[in-house]
Amino acid sequence: MVNKKMISEALQQMQGFKLGKWGACPRELVSSMGLTEKEWKHIKEKEDSGNLDKDDIKEIDEYFGNGGRY
């Protein structure tokens, strides 16, 4: 079971990231928020991913594919 509060907070942060693009990469974003791979999969499958584009989603997938390291 995923933490719905974390999902909500993650979606808000992703949207802010996309709108601001203040220089952090998506990997830094998910790392700093403590998002788990399970929560990320839930977001991708069941939620709107915060208007992230395909490249951002790919980068987050690669982050988790690398054991949560960048």
Protein backbone atom coordinates (compact mmCIF):
# COMPACT_ATOMS: atom_id res chain seq x y z
CA MET A 1 0.00 0.00 0.00
CA VAL A 2 1.36 3.42 -0.89
CA ASN A 3 1.29 6.49 1.32
CA LYS A 4 -1.39 8.71 -0.25
CA LYS A 5 -0.07 11.79 1.55
CA MET A 6 3.38 11.21 0.04
CA ILE A 7 1.82 10.74 -3.40
CA SER A 8 -0.06 14.03 -3.08
CA GLU A 9 3.04 15.87 -1.90
CA ALA A 10 5.14 14.32 -4.66
CA LEU A 11 2.67 15.38 -7.33
CA GLN A 12 2.67 18.93 -6.01
CA GLN A 13 6.45 19.07 -5.97
CA MET A 14 6.69 17.64 -9.48
CA GLN A 15 4.30 20.26 -10.76
CA GLY A 16 6.31 23.00 -9.05
CA PHE A 17 9.50 21.58 -10.49
CA LYS A 18 8.11 21.51 -14.00
CA LEU A 19 6.76 25.03 -13.75
CA GLY A 20 9.89 26.48 -12.21
CA LYS A 21 12.72 24.45 -13.73
CA TRP A 22 15.00 26.23 -11.31
CA GLY A 23 17.94 24.03 -12.14
CA ALA A 24 17.47 20.82 -10.20
CA CYS A 25 17.09 17.64 -12.21
CA PRO A 26 14.21 15.23 -11.66
CA ARG A 27 16.55 12.76 -9.91
CA GLU A 28 17.46 15.40 -7.35
CA LEU A 29 13.77 16.17 -6.91
CA VAL A 30 12.72 12.61 -6.09
CA SER A 31 15.80 12.06 -3.96
CA SER A 32 15.19 15.19 -1.90
CA MET A 33 11.53 14.32 -1.30
CA GLY A 34 12.36 10.75 -0.29
CA LEU A 35 10.03 9.27 -2.89
CA THR A 36 10.22 5.47 -3.03
CA GLU A 37 10.19 3.41 -6.19
CA LYS A 38 6.85 1.91 -5.13
CA GLU A 39 5.35 5.39 -4.79
CA TRP A 40 6.80 6.43 -8.15
CA LYS A 41 5.26 3.38 -9.84
CA HIS A 42 1.91 4.24 -8.27
CA ILE A 43 2.16 7.82 -9.57
CA LYS A 44 2.97 6.61 -13.08
CA GLU A 45 0.19 4.03 -13.13
CA LYS A 46 -2.62 5.71 -11.23
CA GLU A 47 -2.02 9.46 -11.00
CA ASP A 48 -1.25 12.39 -13.25
CA SER A 49 2.54 12.60 -13.06
CA GLY A 50 2.58 16.35 -12.49
CA ASN A 51 2.92 17.27 -16.16
CA LEU A 52 6.41 15.83 -16.36
CA ASP A 53 7.53 15.26 -19.92
CA LYS A 54 8.84 11.95 -21.30
CA ASP A 55 12.47 12.90 -20.67
CA ASP A 56 11.76 13.75 -17.01
CA ILE A 57 9.88 10.48 -16.51
CA LYS A 58 12.70 8.55 -18.18
CA GLU A 59 15.25 10.22 -15.90
CA ILE A 60 13.25 9.28 -12.78
CA ASP A 61 12.86 5.72 -14.07
CA GLU A 62 16.64 5.56 -14.58
CA TYR A 63 17.19 6.91 -11.06
CA PHE A 64 15.17 4.06 -9.56
CA GLY A 65 16.68 1.59 -12.05
CA ASN A 66 20.05 2.54 -10.60
CA GLY A 67 18.99 1.68 -7.06
CA GLY A 68 17.99 5.24 -6.18
CA ARG A 69 21.41 6.69 -6.94
CA TYR A 70 22.45 9.32 -9.44
